[in-house]
Amino acid sequence: MDEEIKKLLEQNLELTKEVYAMTKKIKNYITFQKVMSVFYILIIVVPVILSIIYLPPLLKNVFDQYKDLLGVQSGAGNPLENLLKGGAGNLNLDNVDINKLPANIRALIK
């Protein structure tokens, strides 16, 4: 009987060591996944923040080049400037001269 108990205790010890090793691996995996999830969130959030900071001035320069084509005057009530400041405002494209637009855009409109 003593020998049987000793054998069972040795088996129990071996199984406990295996469980401990697996638990350690799982803990390391979970820690790695937490770090990667923070990294993935940063991959998404950082470009969004940078685009909010740097994109409006770049778009302003692009829209300044096309003001003559669109027939838009500069000023405080300029719809493009309102759009760049974060609001669509009341963008009115009724005064756009279609003949001044490039040919490929005119083809899309017709």
PDB file of N, CA and C in Angstrom:
ATOM      1  N   MET A   1       0.815  -1.189   0.000  1.00  0.00           N
ATOM      2  CA  MET A   1       0.000   0.000   0.000  1.00  0.00           C
ATOM      3  C   MET A   1       0.868   1.266   0.000  1.00  0.00           C
ATOM      4  N   ASP A   2       1.939   1.221   0.770  1.00  0.00           N
ATOM      5  CA  ASP A   2       2.866   2.344   0.820  1.00  0.00           C
ATOM      6  C   ASP A   2       3.467   2.627  -0.558  1.00  0.00           C
ATOM      7  N   GLU A   3       3.787   1.547  -1.239  1.00  0.00           N
ATOM      8  CA  GLU A   3       4.396   1.689  -2.552  1.00  0.00           C
ATOM      9  C   GLU A   3       3.397   2.281  -3.554  1.00  0.00           C
ATOM     10  N   GLU A   4       2.152   1.907  -3.436  1.00  0.00           N
ATOM     11  CA  GLU A   4       1.102   2.440  -4.311  1.00  0.00           C
ATOM     12  C   GLU A   4       0.917   3.952  -4.100  1.00  0.00           C
ATOM     13  N   ILE A   5       0.921   4.350  -2.865  1.00  0.00           N
ATOM     14  CA  ILE A   5       0.769   5.778  -2.549  1.00  0.00           C
ATOM     15  C   ILE A   5       1.976   6.556  -3.070  1.00  0.00           C
ATOM     16  N   LYS A   6       3.156   5.988  -2.914  1.00  0.00           N
ATOM     17  CA  LYS A   6       4.368   6.637  -3.392  1.00  0.00           C
ATOM     18  C   LYS A   6       4.314   6.801  -4.910  1.00  0.00           C
ATOM     19  N   LYS A   7       3.871   5.759  -5.615  1.00  0.00           N
ATOM     20  CA  LYS A   7       3.741   5.818  -7.075  1.00  0.00           C
ATOM     21  C   LYS A   7       2.722   6.884  -7.486  1.00  0.00           C
ATOM     22  N   LEU A   8       1.601   6.940  -6.799  1.00  0.00           N
ATOM     23  CA  LEU A   8       0.578   7.947  -7.094  1.00  0.00           C
ATOM     24  C   LEU A   8       1.094   9.361  -6.827  1.00  0.00           C
ATOM     25  N   LEU A   9       1.846   9.528  -5.759  1.00  0.00           N
ATOM     26  CA  LEU A   9       2.419  10.844  -5.463  1.00  0.00           C
ATOM     27  C   LEU A   9       3.421  11.276  -6.529  1.00  0.00           C
ATOM     28  N   GLU A  10       4.217  10.328  -7.027  1.00  0.00           N
ATOM     29  CA  GLU A  10       5.174  10.656  -8.095  1.00  0.00           C
ATOM     30  C   GLU A  10       4.444  11.042  -9.384  1.00  0.00           C
ATOM     31  N   GLN A  11       3.388  10.316  -9.727  1.00  0.00           N
ATOM     32  CA  GLN A  11       2.589  10.665 -10.905  1.00  0.00           C
ATOM     33  C   GLN A  11       1.956  12.046 -10.733  1.00  0.00           C
ATOM     34  N   ASN A  12       1.445  12.275  -9.542  1.00  0.00           N
ATOM     35  CA  ASN A  12       0.827  13.570  -9.255  1.00  0.00           C
ATOM     36  C   ASN A  12       1.856  14.690  -9.387  1.00  0.00           C
ATOM     37  N   LEU A  13       3.070  14.471  -8.904  1.00  0.00           N
ATOM     38  CA  LEU A  13       4.129  15.470  -8.995  1.00  0.00           C
ATOM     39  C   LEU A  13       4.506  15.734 -10.449  1.00  0.00           C
ATOM     40  N   GLU A  14       4.610  14.680 -11.266  1.00  0.00           N
ATOM     41  CA  GLU A  14       4.920  14.846 -12.686  1.00  0.00           C
ATOM     42  C   GLU A  14       3.830  15.648 -13.392  1.00  0.00           C
ATOM     43  N   LEU A  15       2.585  15.297 -13.142  1.00  0.00           N
ATOM     44  CA  LEU A  15       1.469  16.012 -13.771  1.00  0.00           C
ATOM     45  C   LEU A  15       1.413  17.470 -13.314  1.00  0.00           C
ATOM     46  N   THR A  16       1.710  17.699 -12.047  1.00  0.00           N
ATOM     47  CA  THR A  16       1.709  19.067 -11.530  1.00  0.00           C
ATOM     48  C   THR A  16       2.802  19.891 -12.204  1.00  0.00           C
ATOM     49  N   LYS A  17       3.964  19.285 -12.433  1.00  0.00           N
ATOM     50  CA  LYS A  17       5.043  19.992 -13.128  1.00  0.00           C
ATOM     51  C   LYS A  17       4.646  20.333 -14.562  1.00  0.00           C
ATOM     52  N   GLU A  18       3.960  19.395 -15.232  1.00  0.00           N
ATOM     53  CA  GLU A  18       3.490  19.661 -16.595  1.00  0.00           C
ATOM     54  C   GLU A  18       2.469  20.801 -16.610  1.00  0.00           C
ATOM     55  N   VAL A  19       1.549  20.760 -15.669  1.00  0.00           N
ATOM     56  CA  VAL A  19       0.530  21.818 -15.582  1.00  0.00           C
ATOM     57  C   VAL A  19       1.195  23.164 -15.309  1.00  0.00           C
ATOM     58  N   TYR A  20       2.184  23.168 -14.436  1.00  0.00           N
ATOM     59  CA  TYR A  20       2.900  24.406 -14.124  1.00  0.00           C
ATOM     60  C   TYR A  20       3.614  24.952 -15.363  1.00  0.00           C
ATOM     61  N   ALA A  21       4.257  24.075 -16.128  1.00  0.00           N
ATOM     62  CA  ALA A  21       4.956  24.504 -17.346  1.00  0.00           C
ATOM     63  C   ALA A  21       3.964  25.087 -18.356  1.00  0.00           C
ATOM     64  N   MET A  22       2.827  24.408 -18.527  1.00  0.00           N
ATOM     65  CA  MET A  22       1.811  24.913 -19.460  1.00  0.00           C
ATOM     66  C   MET A  22       1.233  26.242 -18.985  1.00  0.00           C
ATOM     67  N   THR A  23       1.011  26.374 -17.695  1.00  0.00           N
ATOM     68  CA  THR A  23       0.475  27.617 -17.144  1.00  0.00           C
ATOM     69  C   THR A  23       1.453  28.767 -17.365  1.00  0.00           C
ATOM     70  N   LYS A  24       2.739  28.484 -17.224  1.00  0.00           N
ATOM     71  CA  LYS A  24       3.755  29.510 -17.445  1.00  0.00           C
ATOM     72  C   LYS A  24       3.757  29.960 -18.904  1.00  0.00           C
ATOM     73  N   LYS A  25       3.649  28.998 -19.832  1.00  0.00           N
ATOM     74  CA  LYS A  25       3.599  29.332 -21.254  1.00  0.00           C
ATOM     75  C   LYS A  25       2.349  30.154 -21.571  1.00  0.00           C
ATOM     76  N   ILE A  26       1.224  29.766 -21.000  1.00  0.00           N
ATOM     77  CA  ILE A  26      -0.026  30.490 -21.246  1.00  0.00           C
ATOM     78  C   ILE A  26       0.071  31.914 -20.700  1.00  0.00           C
ATOM     79  N   LYS A  27       0.677  32.064 -19.540  1.00  0.00           N
ATOM     80  CA  LYS A  27       0.836  33.395 -18.955  1.00  0.00           C
ATOM     81  C   LYS A  27       1.706  34.266 -19.849  1.00  0.00           C
ATOM     82  N   ASN A  28       2.795  33.713 -20.371  1.00  0.00           N
ATOM     83  CA  ASN A  28       3.659  34.463 -21.286  1.00  0.00           C
ATOM     84  C   ASN A  28       2.916  34.838 -22.568  1.00  0.00           C
ATOM     85  N   TYR A  29       2.113  33.920 -23.082  1.00  0.00           N
ATOM     86  CA  TYR A  29       1.337  34.182 -24.293  1.00  0.00           C
ATOM     87  C   TYR A  29       0.327  35.311 -24.060  1.00  0.00           C
ATOM     88  N   ILE A  30      -0.347  35.283 -22.938  1.00  0.00           N
ATOM     89  CA  ILE A  30      -1.334  36.324 -22.622  1.00  0.00           C
ATOM     90  C   ILE A  30      -0.648  37.680 -22.473  1.00  0.00           C
ATOM     91  N   THR A  31       0.509  37.710 -21.833  1.00  0.00           N
ATOM     92  CA  THR A  31       1.253  38.962 -21.694  1.00  0.00           C
ATOM     93  C   THR A  31       1.662  39.494 -23.066  1.00  0.00           C
ATOM     94  N   PHE A  32       2.142  38.601 -23.927  1.00  0.00           N
ATOM     95  CA  PHE A  32       2.511  38.991 -25.287  1.00  0.00           C
ATOM     96  C   PHE A  32       1.304  39.548 -26.047  1.00  0.00           C
ATOM     97  N   GLN A  33       0.152  38.918 -25.902  1.00  0.00           N
ATOM     98  CA  GLN A  33      -1.056  39.381 -26.581  1.00  0.00           C
ATOM     99  C   GLN A  33      -1.484  40.760 -26.085  1.00  0.00           C
ATOM    100  N   LYS A  34      -1.325  41.027 -24.804  1.00  0.00           N
ATOM    101  CA  LYS A  34      -1.653  42.349 -24.273  1.00  0.00           C
ATOM    102  C   LYS A  34      -0.749  43.414 -24.874  1.00  0.00           C
ATOM    103  N   VAL A  35       0.533  43.119 -24.958  1.00  0.00           N
ATOM    104  CA  VAL A  35       1.484  44.065 -25.549  1.00  0.00           C
ATOM    105  C   VAL A  35       1.145  44.292 -27.020  1.00  0.00           C
ATOM    106  N   MET A  36       0.836  43.233 -27.746  1.00  0.00           N
ATOM    107  CA  MET A  36       0.501  43.367 -29.164  1.00  0.00           C
ATOM    108  C   MET A  36      -0.793  44.137 -29.367  1.00  0.00           C
ATOM    109  N   SER A  37      -1.761  43.973 -28.485  1.00  0.00           N
ATOM    110  CA  SER A  37      -3.012  44.724 -28.639  1.00  0.00           C
ATOM    111  C   SER A  37      -2.764  46.219 -28.457  1.00  0.00           C
ATOM    112  N   VAL A  38      -1.904  46.592 -27.529  1.00  0.00           N
ATOM    113  CA  VAL A  38      -1.541  48.007 -27.367  1.00  0.00           C
ATOM    114  C   VAL A  38      -0.827  48.494 -28.624  1.00  0.00           C
ATOM    115  N   PHE A  39       0.055  47.678 -29.172  1.00  0.00           N
ATOM    116  CA  PHE A  39       0.772  48.037 -30.396  1.00  0.00           C
ATOM    117  C   PHE A  39      -0.204  48.224 -31.560  1.00  0.00           C
ATOM    118  N   TYR A  40      -1.180  47.325 -31.700  1.00  0.00           N
ATOM    119  CA  TYR A  40      -2.164  47.451 -32.773  1.00  0.00           C
ATOM    120  C   TYR A  40      -3.008  48.714 -32.614  1.00  0.00           C
ATOM    121  N   ILE A  41      -3.383  49.022 -31.402  1.00  0.00           N
ATOM    122  CA  ILE A  41      -4.165  50.243 -31.165  1.00  0.00           C
ATOM    123  C   ILE A  41      -3.339  51.470 -31.538  1.00  0.00           C
ATOM    124  N   LEU A  42      -2.055  51.457 -31.192  1.00  0.00           N
ATOM    125  CA  LEU A  42      -1.182  52.574 -31.566  1.00  0.00           C
ATOM    126  C   LEU A  42      -1.040  52.684 -33.072  1.00  0.00           C
ATOM    127  N   ILE A  43      -1.000  51.545 -33.756  1.00  0.00           N
ATOM    128  CA  ILE A  43      -0.905  51.571 -35.218  1.00  0.00           C
ATOM    129  C   ILE A  43      -2.136  52.242 -35.824  1.00  0.00           C
ATOM    130  N   ILE A  44      -3.282  52.112 -35.179  1.00  0.00           N
ATOM    131  CA  ILE A  44      -4.507  52.721 -35.686  1.00  0.00           C
ATOM    132  C   ILE A  44      -4.626  54.171 -35.226  1.00  0.00           C
ATOM    133  N   VAL A  45      -4.358  54.450 -33.973  1.00  0.00           N
ATOM    134  CA  VAL A  45      -4.617  55.770 -33.398  1.00  0.00           C
ATOM    135  C   VAL A  45      -3.593  56.813 -33.853  1.00  0.00           C
ATOM    136  N   VAL A  46      -2.327  56.456 -33.918  1.00  0.00           N
ATOM    137  CA  VAL A  46      -1.286  57.433 -34.269  1.00  0.00           C
ATOM    138  C   VAL A  46      -1.504  58.003 -35.677  1.00  0.00           C
ATOM    139  N   PRO A  47      -1.753  57.195 -36.710  1.00  0.00           N
ATOM    140  CA  PRO A  47      -2.008  57.793 -38.027  1.00  0.00           C
ATOM    141  C   PRO A  47      -3.255  58.686 -38.057  1.00  0.00           C
ATOM    142  N   VAL A  48      -4.282  58.320 -37.302  1.00  0.00           N
ATOM    143  CA  VAL A  48      -5.487  59.151 -37.267  1.00  0.00           C
ATOM    144  C   VAL A  48      -5.161  60.512 -36.650  1.00  0.00           C
ATOM    145  N   ILE A  49      -4.429  60.520 -35.544  1.00  0.00           N
ATOM    146  CA  ILE A  49      -4.068  61.776 -34.893  1.00  0.00           C
ATOM    147  C   ILE A  49      -3.167  62.607 -35.814  1.00  0.00           C
ATOM    148  N   LEU A  50      -2.190  61.967 -36.448  1.00  0.00           N
ATOM    149  CA  LEU A  50      -1.306  62.697 -37.354  1.00  0.00           C
ATOM    150  C   LEU A  50      -2.068  63.260 -38.554  1.00  0.00           C
ATOM    151  N   SER A  51      -3.051  62.502 -39.047  1.00  0.00           N
ATOM    152  CA  SER A  51      -3.827  63.021 -40.175  1.00  0.00           C
ATOM    153  C   SER A  51      -4.694  64.200 -39.751  1.00  0.00           C
ATOM    154  N   ILE A  52      -5.207  64.171 -38.530  1.00  0.00           N
ATOM    155  CA  ILE A  52      -5.995  65.311 -38.044  1.00  0.00           C
ATOM    156  C   ILE A  52      -5.119  66.552 -37.919  1.00  0.00           C
ATOM    157  N   ILE A  53      -3.866  66.366 -37.544  1.00  0.00           N
ATOM    158  CA  ILE A  53      -2.959  67.497 -37.360  1.00  0.00           C
ATOM    159  C   ILE A  53      -2.423  68.016 -38.692  1.00  0.00           C
ATOM    160  N   TYR A  54      -1.948  67.125 -39.563  1.00  0.00           N
ATOM    161  CA  TYR A  54      -1.209  67.548 -40.749  1.00  0.00           C
ATOM    162  C   TYR A  54      -2.016  67.595 -42.037  1.00  0.00           C
ATOM    163  N   LEU A  55      -3.136  66.922 -42.124  1.00  0.00           N
ATOM    164  CA  LEU A  55      -3.878  66.874 -43.380  1.00  0.00           C
ATOM    165  C   LEU A  55      -4.593  68.176 -43.736  1.00  0.00           C
ATOM    166  N   PRO A  56      -5.248  68.876 -42.798  1.00  0.00           N
ATOM    167  CA  PRO A  56      -5.935  70.109 -43.197  1.00  0.00           C
ATOM    168  C   PRO A  56      -5.040  71.162 -43.860  1.00  0.00           C
ATOM    169  N   PRO A  57      -3.832  71.449 -43.362  1.00  0.00           N
ATOM    170  CA  PRO A  57      -3.003  72.420 -44.095  1.00  0.00           C
ATOM    171  C   PRO A  57      -2.634  71.940 -45.493  1.00  0.00           C
ATOM    172  N   LEU A  58      -2.402  70.641 -45.656  1.00  0.00           N
ATOM    173  CA  LEU A  58      -2.088  70.127 -46.986  1.00  0.00           C
ATOM    174  C   LEU A  58      -3.286  70.259 -47.917  1.00  0.00           C
ATOM    175  N   LEU A  59      -4.471  69.942 -47.412  1.00  0.00           N
ATOM    176  CA  LEU A  59      -5.677  70.079 -48.234  1.00  0.00           C
ATOM    177  C   LEU A  59      -5.958  71.533 -48.560  1.00  0.00           C
ATOM    178  N   LYS A  60      -5.642  72.425 -47.633  1.00  0.00           N
ATOM    179  CA  LYS A  60      -5.850  73.851 -47.889  1.00  0.00           C
ATOM    180  C   LYS A  60      -5.021  74.284 -49.081  1.00  0.00           C
ATOM    181  N   ASN A  61      -3.779  73.831 -49.152  1.00  0.00           N
ATOM    182  CA  ASN A  61      -2.926  74.176 -50.294  1.00  0.00           C
ATOM    183  C   ASN A  61      -3.482  73.604 -51.590  1.00  0.00           C
ATOM    184  N   VAL A  62      -4.011  72.399 -51.535  1.00  0.00           N
ATOM    185  CA  VAL A  62      -4.584  71.788 -52.732  1.00  0.00           C
ATOM    186  C   VAL A  62      -5.823  72.557 -53.170  1.00  0.00           C
ATOM    187  N   PHE A  63      -6.696  72.902 -52.219  1.00  0.00           N
ATOM    188  CA  PHE A  63      -7.913  73.628 -52.568  1.00  0.00           C
ATOM    189  C   PHE A  63      -7.600  75.043 -53.047  1.00  0.00           C
ATOM    190  N   ASP A  64      -6.541  75.647 -52.544  1.00  0.00           N
ATOM    191  CA  ASP A  64      -6.155  76.976 -53.025  1.00  0.00           C
ATOM    192  C   ASP A  64      -5.807  76.942 -54.504  1.00  0.00           C
ATOM    193  N   GLN A  65      -5.228  75.851 -54.967  1.00  0.00           N
ATOM    194  CA  GLN A  65      -4.866  75.731 -56.378  1.00  0.00           C
ATOM    195  C   GLN A  65      -6.100  75.626 -57.279  1.00  0.00           C
ATOM    196  N   TYR A  66      -7.177  75.072 -56.751  1.00  0.00           N
ATOM    197  CA  TYR A  66      -8.366  74.856 -57.573  1.00  0.00           C
ATOM    198  C   TYR A  66      -9.459  75.899 -57.346  1.00  0.00           C
ATOM    199  N   LYS A  67      -9.166  76.935 -56.571  1.00  0.00           N
ATOM    200  CA  LYS A  67     -10.188  77.968 -56.328  1.00  0.00           C
ATOM    201  C   LYS A  67     -10.601  78.656 -57.617  1.00  0.00           C
ATOM    202  N   ASP A  68      -9.647  78.947 -58.495  1.00  0.00           N
ATOM    203  CA  ASP A  68      -9.980  79.614 -59.750  1.00  0.00           C
ATOM    204  C   ASP A  68     -10.848  78.723 -60.631  1.00  0.00           C
ATOM    205  N   LEU A  69     -10.539  77.440 -60.666  1.00  0.00           N
ATOM    206  CA  LEU A  69     -11.335  76.529 -61.482  1.00  0.00           C
ATOM    207  C   LEU A  69     -12.763  76.409 -60.976  1.00  0.00           C
ATOM    208  N   LEU A  70     -12.906  76.412 -59.657  1.00  0.00           N
ATOM    209  CA  LEU A  70     -14.234  76.249 -59.071  1.00  0.00           C
ATOM    210  C   LEU A  70     -14.988  77.562 -58.986  1.00  0.00           C
ATOM    211  N   GLY A  71     -14.316  78.665 -59.217  1.00  0.00           N
ATOM    212  CA  GLY A  71     -14.967  79.963 -59.153  1.00  0.00           C
ATOM    213  C   GLY A  71     -15.322  80.384 -57.748  1.00  0.00           C
ATOM    214  N   VAL A  72     -14.476  80.060 -56.791  1.00  0.00           N
ATOM    215  CA  VAL A  72     -14.725  80.381 -55.390  1.00  0.00           C
ATOM    216  C   VAL A  72     -13.844  81.559 -55.004  1.00  0.00           C
ATOM    217  N   GLN A  73     -14.440  82.563 -54.334  1.00  0.00           N
ATOM    218  CA  GLN A  73     -13.668  83.700 -53.869  1.00  0.00           C
ATOM    219  C   GLN A  73     -13.148  83.428 -52.465  1.00  0.00           C
ATOM    220  N   SER A  74     -12.006  84.018 -52.135  1.00  0.00           N
ATOM    221  CA  SER A  74     -11.465  83.893 -50.785  1.00  0.00           C
ATOM    222  C   SER A  74     -12.245  84.781 -49.848  1.00  0.00           C
ATOM    223  N   GLY A  75     -12.332  84.382 -48.606  1.00  0.00           N
ATOM    224  CA  GLY A  75     -13.017  85.204 -47.616  1.00  0.00           C
ATOM    225  C   GLY A  75     -13.479  84.366 -46.451  1.00  0.00           C
ATOM    226  N   ALA A  76     -14.082  85.015 -45.463  1.00  0.00           N
ATOM    227  CA  ALA A  76     -14.504  84.323 -44.247  1.00  0.00           C
ATOM    228  C   ALA A  76     -15.632  83.342 -44.525  1.00  0.00           C
ATOM    229  N   GLY A  77     -16.455  83.633 -45.541  1.00  0.00           N
ATOM    230  CA  GLY A  77     -17.581  82.762 -45.829  1.00  0.00           C
ATOM    231  C   GLY A  77     -17.272  81.690 -46.854  1.00  0.00           C
ATOM    232  N   ASN A  78     -16.007  81.464 -47.121  1.00  0.00           N
ATOM    233  CA  ASN A  78     -15.602  80.498 -48.122  1.00  0.00           C
ATOM    234  C   ASN A  78     -15.968  79.082 -47.681  1.00  0.00           C
ATOM    235  N   PRO A  79     -16.757  78.337 -48.468  1.00  0.00           N
ATOM    236  CA  PRO A  79     -17.168  76.990 -48.077  1.00  0.00           C
ATOM    237  C   PRO A  79     -15.997  76.021 -47.936  1.00  0.00           C
ATOM    238  N   LEU A  80     -14.974  76.182 -48.777  1.00  0.00           N
ATOM    239  CA  LEU A  80     -13.826  75.286 -48.666  1.00  0.00           C
ATOM    240  C   LEU A  80     -13.079  75.507 -47.363  1.00  0.00           C
ATOM    241  N   GLU A  81     -12.948  76.761 -46.959  1.00  0.00           N
ATOM    242  CA  GLU A  81     -12.282  77.040 -45.686  1.00  0.00           C
ATOM    243  C   GLU A  81     -13.127  76.514 -44.526  1.00  0.00           C
ATOM    244  N   ASN A  82     -14.440  76.633 -44.629  1.00  0.00           N
ATOM    245  CA  ASN A  82     -15.317  76.061 -43.587  1.00  0.00           C
ATOM    246  C   ASN A  82     -15.154  74.543 -43.520  1.00  0.00           C
ATOM    247  N   LEU A  83     -15.017  73.924 -44.688  1.00  0.00           N
ATOM    248  CA  LEU A  83     -14.838  72.481 -44.733  1.00  0.00           C
ATOM    249  C   LEU A  83     -13.529  72.079 -44.069  1.00  0.00           C
ATOM    250  N   LEU A  84     -12.471  72.842 -44.324  1.00  0.00           N
ATOM    251  CA  LEU A  84     -11.175  72.529 -43.721  1.00  0.00           C
ATOM    252  C   LEU A  84     -11.171  72.787 -42.220  1.00  0.00           C
ATOM    253  N   LYS A  85     -12.012  73.697 -41.751  1.00  0.00           N
ATOM    254  CA  LYS A  85     -12.074  73.987 -40.320  1.00  0.00           C
ATOM    255  C   LYS A  85     -12.922  72.955 -39.577  1.00  0.00           C
ATOM    256  N   GLY A  86     -13.490  72.001 -40.286  1.00  0.00           N
ATOM    257  CA  GLY A  86     -14.190  70.923 -39.611  1.00  0.00           C
ATOM    258  C   GLY A  86     -15.681  70.896 -39.835  1.00  0.00           C
ATOM    259  N   GLY A  87     -16.234  71.832 -40.560  1.00  0.00           N
ATOM    260  CA  GLY A  87     -17.666  71.814 -40.793  1.00  0.00           C
ATOM    261  C   GLY A  87     -17.956  71.871 -42.272  1.00  0.00           C
ATOM    262  N   ALA A  88     -18.985  71.183 -42.708  1.00  0.00           N
ATOM    263  CA  ALA A  88     -19.332  71.195 -44.119  1.00  0.00           C
ATOM    264  C   ALA A  88     -19.961  72.525 -44.493  1.00  0.00           C
ATOM    265  N   GLY A  89     -20.531  73.208 -43.500  1.00  0.00           N
ATOM    266  CA  GLY A  89     -21.148  74.505 -43.778  1.00  0.00           C
ATOM    267  C   GLY A  89     -22.253  74.345 -44.806  1.00  0.00           C
ATOM    268  N   ASN A  90     -22.474  75.363 -45.562  1.00  0.00           N
ATOM    269  CA  ASN A  90     -23.460  75.275 -46.640  1.00  0.00           C
ATOM    270  C   ASN A  90     -22.708  75.381 -47.957  1.00  0.00           C
ATOM    271  N   LEU A  91     -22.110  74.281 -48.368  1.00  0.00           N
ATOM    272  CA  LEU A  91     -21.321  74.217 -49.578  1.00  0.00           C
ATOM    273  C   LEU A  91     -22.260  74.301 -50.773  1.00  0.00           C
ATOM    274  N   ASN A  92     -22.106  75.329 -51.575  1.00  0.00           N
ATOM    275  CA  ASN A  92     -22.970  75.576 -52.718  1.00  0.00           C
ATOM    276  C   ASN A  92     -22.125  75.488 -53.978  1.00  0.00           C
ATOM    277  N   LEU A  93     -22.415  74.508 -54.813  1.00  0.00           N
ATOM    278  CA  LEU A  93     -21.657  74.330 -56.042  1.00  0.00           C
ATOM    279  C   LEU A  93     -22.434  74.810 -57.261  1.00  0.00           C
ATOM    280  N   ASP A  94     -23.435  75.662 -57.058  1.00  0.00           N
ATOM    281  CA  ASP A  94     -24.230  76.158 -58.179  1.00  0.00           C
ATOM    282  C   ASP A  94     -23.426  77.087 -59.082  1.00  0.00           C
ATOM    283  N   ASN A  95     -22.426  77.791 -58.517  1.00  0.00           N
ATOM    284  CA  ASN A  95     -21.679  78.765 -59.302  1.00  0.00           C
ATOM    285  C   ASN A  95     -20.440  78.161 -59.958  1.00  0.00           C
ATOM    286  N   VAL A  96     -20.319  76.838 -60.001  1.00  0.00           N
ATOM    287  CA  VAL A  96     -19.164  76.191 -60.624  1.00  0.00           C
ATOM    288  C   VAL A  96     -19.360  76.215 -62.134  1.00  0.00           C
ATOM    289  N   ASP A  97     -18.341  76.704 -62.836  1.00  0.00           N
ATOM    290  CA  ASP A  97     -18.380  76.726 -64.293  1.00  0.00           C
ATOM    291  C   ASP A  97     -17.839  75.397 -64.800  1.00  0.00           C
ATOM    292  N   ILE A  98     -18.702  74.578 -65.372  1.00  0.00           N
ATOM    293  CA  ILE A  98     -18.318  73.239 -65.809  1.00  0.00           C
ATOM    294  C   ILE A  98     -17.274  73.305 -66.920  1.00  0.00           C
ATOM    295  N   ASN A  99     -17.306  74.350 -67.726  1.00  0.00           N
ATOM    296  CA  ASN A  99     -16.354  74.457 -68.833  1.00  0.00           C
ATOM    297  C   ASN A  99     -14.925  74.691 -68.341  1.00  0.00           C
ATOM    298  N   LYS A 100     -14.753  75.173 -67.116  1.00  0.00           N
ATOM    299  CA  LYS A 100     -13.417  75.410 -66.577  1.00  0.00           C
ATOM    300  C   LYS A 100     -12.817  74.147 -65.953  1.00  0.00           C
ATOM    301  N   LEU A 101     -13.644  73.126 -65.754  1.00  0.00           N
ATOM    302  CA  LEU A 101     -13.157  71.895 -65.152  1.00  0.00           C
ATOM    303  C   LEU A 101     -12.356  71.085 -66.168  1.00  0.00           C
ATOM    304  N   PRO A 102     -11.423  70.259 -65.706  1.00  0.00           N
ATOM    305  CA  PRO A 102     -10.673  69.394 -66.630  1.00  0.00           C
ATOM    306  C   PRO A 102     -11.603  68.451 -67.378  1.00  0.00           C
ATOM    307  N   ALA A 103     -11.146  67.974 -68.520  1.00  0.00           N
ATOM    308  CA  ALA A 103     -11.986  67.158 -69.402  1.00  0.00           C
ATOM    309  C   ALA A 103     -12.415  65.845 -68.730  1.00  0.00           C
ATOM    310  N   ASN A 104     -11.528  65.233 -67.963  1.00  0.00           N
ATOM    311  CA  ASN A 104     -11.895  63.953 -67.352  1.00  0.00           C
ATOM    312  C   ASN A 104     -12.989  64.131 -66.293  1.00  0.00           C
ATOM    313  N   ILE A 105     -13.002  65.252 -65.612  1.00  0.00           N
ATOM    314  CA  ILE A 105     -14.065  65.507 -64.621  1.00  0.00           C
ATOM    315  C   ILE A 105     -15.354  65.852 -65.325  1.00  0.00           C
ATOM    316  N   ARG A 106     -15.267  66.628 -66.443  1.00  0.00           N
ATOM    317  CA  ARG A 106     -16.473  66.951 -67.213  1.00  0.00           C
ATOM    318  C   ARG A 106     -17.127  65.688 -67.756  1.00  0.00           C
ATOM    319  N   ALA A 107     -16.293  64.708 -68.133  1.00  0.00           N
ATOM    320  CA  ALA A 107     -16.842  63.443 -68.660  1.00  0.00           C
ATOM    321  C   ALA A 107     -17.578  62.682 -67.556  1.00  0.00           C
ATOM    322  N   LEU A 108     -17.107  62.794 -66.328  1.00  0.00           N
ATOM    323  CA  LEU A 108     -17.788  62.109 -65.233  1.00  0.00           C
ATOM    324  C   LEU A 108     -19.122  62.758 -64.916  1.00  0.00           C
ATOM    325  N   ILE A 109     -19.210  64.066 -65.069  1.00  0.00           N
ATOM    326  CA  ILE A 109     -20.433  64.797 -64.729  1.00  0.00           C
ATOM    327  C   ILE A 109     -21.521  64.525 -65.759  1.00  0.00           C
ATOM    328  N   LYS A 110     -21.157  64.431 -67.015  1.00  0.00           N
ATOM    329  CA  LYS A 110     -22.153  64.257 -68.085  1.00  0.00           C
ATOM    330  C   LYS A 110     -22.668  62.892 -68.142  1.00  0.00           C
TER     331      LYS A 110
END
